[in-house]
Amino acid sequence: MMTIENEQDESLNVFGKPLVACCMDPITGFWRDGYCQTGPSDAGVHTVCVILTDDFLAYSKEVGNDLSTPMPEYGFHGLKHGDAWCLCASRWVDAYHHGKAPRVKLDATHIKMLDFVNLAVLEEFSV
């Protein structure tokens, strides 16, 4: 699972157990390895594995992060309702404060997410 030696943080989930894959189709994660891993070069801290909703996708587009429009030049087909995706921690927290947060796959959410939000809050959104 550690594809870039000494780059990614320890791969534990919010329960302190080994991180499981978030999604392989579409392939997600900062390193596009399917895992919500993070490390020093991941400025966005892509640590929370979510199940996307139309409501969240519309909200994200509204605040400047369009995840639904395909960008073939980057090999990005666009995301849709029901897709799993490693989301930036701050984007999830922002969506939470605006009543738009998507559900969370806790076993695939990196322990670093606990630096941004309490586990009890994440558990309210557990899939």
Protein backbone atom coordinates (compact mmCIF):
# COMPACT_ATOMS: atom_id res chain seq x y z
CA MET A 1 0.00 0.00 0.00
CA MET A 2 2.93 2.37 0.61
CA THR A 3 3.80 3.35 -2.94
CA ILE A 4 6.06 6.33 -2.25
CA GLU A 5 8.55 5.45 0.46
CA ASN A 6 8.83 8.02 3.26
CA GLU A 7 6.21 10.20 1.58
CA GLN A 8 2.86 8.92 2.82
CA ASP A 9 1.79 9.06 6.43
CA GLU A 10 1.15 5.82 8.30
CA SER A 11 -1.82 4.12 6.65
CA LEU A 12 -4.25 3.76 9.53
CA ASN A 13 -7.96 4.52 9.54
CA VAL A 14 -9.88 6.55 12.12
CA PHE A 15 -10.11 3.45 14.33
CA GLY A 16 -6.31 2.96 14.34
CA LYS A 17 -6.60 -0.15 12.14
CA PRO A 18 -5.11 -0.67 8.66
CA LEU A 19 -6.65 1.64 6.08
CA VAL A 20 -8.82 -0.14 3.50
CA ALA A 21 -9.31 0.96 -0.10
CA CYS A 22 -11.85 3.69 -0.73
CA CYS A 23 -12.44 3.10 -4.44
CA MET A 24 -10.66 1.62 -7.44
CA ASP A 25 -13.32 2.59 -10.03
CA PRO A 26 -13.09 5.48 -10.36
CA ILE A 27 -9.56 5.32 -9.01
CA THR A 28 -9.21 7.78 -6.15
CA GLY A 29 -6.68 9.04 -3.64
CA PHE A 30 -4.02 11.72 -3.84
CA TRP A 31 -1.66 9.14 -5.39
CA ARG A 32 -4.48 7.53 -7.42
CA ASP A 33 -3.94 4.23 -5.66
CA GLY A 34 -7.50 3.81 -4.35
CA TYR A 35 -6.60 4.79 -0.77
CA CYS A 36 -7.21 8.01 1.18
CA GLN A 37 -3.56 8.22 2.19
CA THR A 38 -1.76 11.47 2.82
CA GLY A 39 1.75 12.79 3.18
CA PRO A 40 3.78 16.01 3.07
CA SER A 41 3.07 16.76 -0.61
CA ASP A 42 -0.71 16.33 -0.16
CA ALA A 43 -1.56 19.95 0.65
CA GLY A 44 -5.29 19.21 0.36
CA VAL A 45 -5.11 16.35 2.89
CA HIS A 46 -7.28 13.93 0.87
CA THR A 47 -8.14 11.77 3.87
CA VAL A 48 -11.91 11.25 4.01
CA CYS A 49 -13.55 8.52 1.94
CA VAL A 50 -17.03 9.69 0.99
CA ILE A 51 -19.99 8.43 -0.99
CA LEU A 52 -20.91 11.32 -3.25
CA THR A 53 -24.42 12.74 -3.53
CA ASP A 54 -25.92 15.05 -6.13
CA ASP A 55 -26.44 17.62 -3.38
CA PHE A 56 -22.77 17.56 -2.37
CA LEU A 57 -21.53 17.61 -5.98
CA ALA A 58 -23.66 20.71 -6.68
CA TYR A 59 -22.39 22.36 -3.49
CA SER A 60 -18.76 21.55 -4.30
CA LYS A 61 -19.15 22.99 -7.80
CA GLU A 62 -20.76 26.11 -6.34
CA VAL A 63 -17.77 26.71 -4.05
CA GLY A 64 -15.22 26.21 -6.82
CA ASN A 65 -14.37 22.50 -6.85
CA ASP A 66 -16.21 20.96 -9.82
CA LEU A 67 -15.94 17.20 -9.38
CA SER A 68 -18.73 16.26 -11.79
CA THR A 69 -17.53 17.73 -15.09
CA PRO A 70 -15.29 15.38 -17.11
CA MET A 71 -11.77 16.60 -17.91
CA PRO A 72 -10.50 14.06 -20.46
CA GLU A 73 -7.17 15.88 -20.81
CA TYR A 74 -6.42 14.69 -17.25
CA GLY A 75 -8.05 11.28 -17.63
CA PHE A 76 -10.87 12.43 -15.34
CA HIS A 77 -14.33 11.20 -16.33
CA GLY A 78 -16.25 13.25 -13.77
CA LEU A 79 -17.92 11.92 -10.65
CA LYS A 80 -21.56 11.09 -10.05
CA HIS A 81 -23.97 10.29 -7.26
CA GLY A 82 -22.94 7.04 -5.53
CA ASP A 83 -19.25 7.19 -6.44
CA ALA A 84 -16.74 6.79 -3.61
CA TRP A 85 -13.97 9.41 -3.51
CA CYS A 86 -11.11 10.59 -1.30
CA LEU A 87 -12.12 14.13 -0.45
CA CYS A 88 -10.04 16.92 1.09
CA ALA A 89 -10.55 17.10 4.83
CA SER A 90 -11.30 20.83 4.83
CA ARG A 91 -13.87 20.44 2.02
CA TRP A 92 -15.76 17.81 4.02
CA VAL A 93 -15.71 19.96 7.17
CA ASP A 94 -16.89 22.98 5.18
CA ALA A 95 -19.72 20.92 3.65
CA TYR A 96 -20.61 19.64 7.11
CA HIS A 97 -20.97 23.19 8.42
CA HIS A 98 -23.24 24.00 5.46
CA GLY A 99 -25.43 20.90 5.84
CA LYS A 100 -24.08 19.30 2.64
CA ALA A 101 -21.61 16.69 3.93
CA PRO A 102 -21.70 13.32 2.17
CA ARG A 103 -21.65 9.95 3.98
CA VAL A 104 -18.28 8.56 5.08
CA LYS A 105 -16.67 5.12 4.81
CA LEU A 106 -14.88 5.12 8.16
CA ASP A 107 -12.65 2.09 7.59
CA ALA A 108 -11.31 3.83 4.45
CA THR A 109 -10.91 7.26 6.10
CA HIS A 110 -7.37 8.09 7.19
CA ILE A 111 -6.67 8.73 10.89
CA LYS A 112 -5.34 12.20 9.94
CA MET A 113 -9.00 13.22 9.42
CA LEU A 114 -9.32 13.29 13.22
CA ASP A 115 -7.12 16.42 13.18
CA PHE A 116 -10.06 18.16 11.48
CA VAL A 117 -13.18 16.70 13.07
CA ASN A 118 -14.18 14.54 16.02
CA LEU A 119 -14.79 10.82 15.42
CA ALA A 120 -18.31 11.17 16.85
CA VAL A 121 -19.18 13.62 14.06
CA LEU A 122 -17.80 11.27 11.41
CA GLU A 123 -19.74 8.37 12.93
CA GLU A 124 -22.99 10.33 12.40
CA PHE A 125 -22.21 10.18 8.66
CA SER A 126 -21.01 6.57 8.56
CA VAL A 127 -22.12 4.43 5.64
